[in-house]
Amino acid sequence: MQVEVLEAQGVPLARIAANLGIDRKTARKLRRAQAEPTVAVRRRKSHLD
């Protein structure tokens, strides 16, 4: 995970967030997360179904 690597190098959290293009709060959540976040894809039924 990039956040952990950058933090281990001593980069401040605000700069990590700016480099990754995410909010500081999101970077903080990613730093605390145990695993890489996944994106759940929800499929909606179409009107034709």
C-alpha atoms as a PDB file:
ATOM      1  CA  MET A   1       0.000   0.000   0.000  1.00  0.00           C
ATOM      2  CA  GLN A   2       1.453   3.348  -1.006  1.00  0.00           C
ATOM      3  CA  VAL A   3       0.331   5.202   2.106  1.00  0.00           C
ATOM      4  CA  GLU A   4       2.265   2.844   4.379  1.00  0.00           C
ATOM      5  CA  VAL A   5       5.400   3.060   2.240  1.00  0.00           C
ATOM      6  CA  LEU A   6       5.362   6.857   2.131  1.00  0.00           C
ATOM      7  CA  GLU A   7       4.686   7.079   5.850  1.00  0.00           C
ATOM      8  CA  ALA A   8       7.598   4.734   6.576  1.00  0.00           C
ATOM      9  CA  GLN A   9       9.793   7.156   4.618  1.00  0.00           C
ATOM     10  CA  GLY A  10       8.707   9.955   6.969  1.00  0.00           C
ATOM     11  CA  VAL A  11       6.443  11.842   4.550  1.00  0.00           C
ATOM     12  CA  PRO A  12       3.735  13.851   6.386  1.00  0.00           C
ATOM     13  CA  LEU A  13       0.157  12.648   6.011  1.00  0.00           C
ATOM     14  CA  ALA A  14      -0.981  15.878   4.326  1.00  0.00           C
ATOM     15  CA  ARG A  15       1.700  15.520   1.653  1.00  0.00           C
ATOM     16  CA  ILE A  16       0.839  11.831   1.132  1.00  0.00           C
ATOM     17  CA  ALA A  17      -2.793  12.793   0.554  1.00  0.00           C
ATOM     18  CA  ALA A  18      -1.822  15.554  -1.876  1.00  0.00           C
ATOM     19  CA  ASN A  19       0.486  13.239  -3.842  1.00  0.00           C
ATOM     20  CA  LEU A  20      -2.167  10.535  -4.134  1.00  0.00           C
ATOM     21  CA  GLY A  21      -4.969  13.001  -4.898  1.00  0.00           C
ATOM     22  CA  ILE A  22      -7.101  11.966  -1.925  1.00  0.00           C
ATOM     23  CA  ASP A  23      -8.403  13.698   1.186  1.00  0.00           C
ATOM     24  CA  ARG A  24      -6.340  13.653   4.395  1.00  0.00           C
ATOM     25  CA  LYS A  25      -9.109  11.768   6.189  1.00  0.00           C
ATOM     26  CA  THR A  26      -9.106   9.094   3.496  1.00  0.00           C
ATOM     27  CA  ALA A  27      -5.329   8.770   3.757  1.00  0.00           C
ATOM     28  CA  ARG A  28      -5.686   8.381   7.517  1.00  0.00           C
ATOM     29  CA  LYS A  29      -8.281   5.613   7.041  1.00  0.00           C
ATOM     30  CA  LEU A  30      -6.032   3.835   4.549  1.00  0.00           C
ATOM     31  CA  ARG A  31      -3.129   4.089   6.972  1.00  0.00           C
ATOM     32  CA  ARG A  32      -5.185   2.379   9.705  1.00  0.00           C
ATOM     33  CA  ALA A  33      -6.651  -0.296   7.393  1.00  0.00           C
ATOM     34  CA  GLN A  34      -5.310  -3.820   7.687  1.00  0.00           C
ATOM     35  CA  ALA A  35      -5.812  -4.755   4.041  1.00  0.00           C
ATOM     36  CA  GLU A  36      -6.018  -3.032   0.671  1.00  0.00           C
ATOM     37  CA  PRO A  37      -9.527  -1.575   0.192  1.00  0.00           C
ATOM     38  CA  THR A  38     -11.673  -3.219  -2.429  1.00  0.00           C
ATOM     39  CA  VAL A  39     -14.384  -1.710  -4.551  1.00  0.00           C
ATOM     40  CA  ALA A  40     -17.717  -3.513  -4.448  1.00  0.00           C
ATOM     41  CA  VAL A  41     -19.578  -3.375  -7.733  1.00  0.00           C
ATOM     42  CA  ARG A  42     -23.335  -3.398  -7.407  1.00  0.00           C
ATOM     43  CA  ARG A  43     -25.255  -4.236 -10.525  1.00  0.00           C
ATOM     44  CA  ARG A  44     -28.741  -2.810 -10.855  1.00  0.00           C
ATOM     45  CA  LYS A  45     -31.397  -4.563 -12.827  1.00  0.00           C
ATOM     46  CA  SER A  46     -32.283  -2.798 -16.010  1.00  0.00           C
ATOM     47  CA  HIS A  47     -35.820  -1.808 -16.876  1.00  0.00           C
ATOM     48  CA  LEU A  48     -35.816  -4.539 -19.516  1.00  0.00           C
ATOM     49  CA  ASP A  49     -35.150  -7.335 -17.021  1.00  0.00           C
END
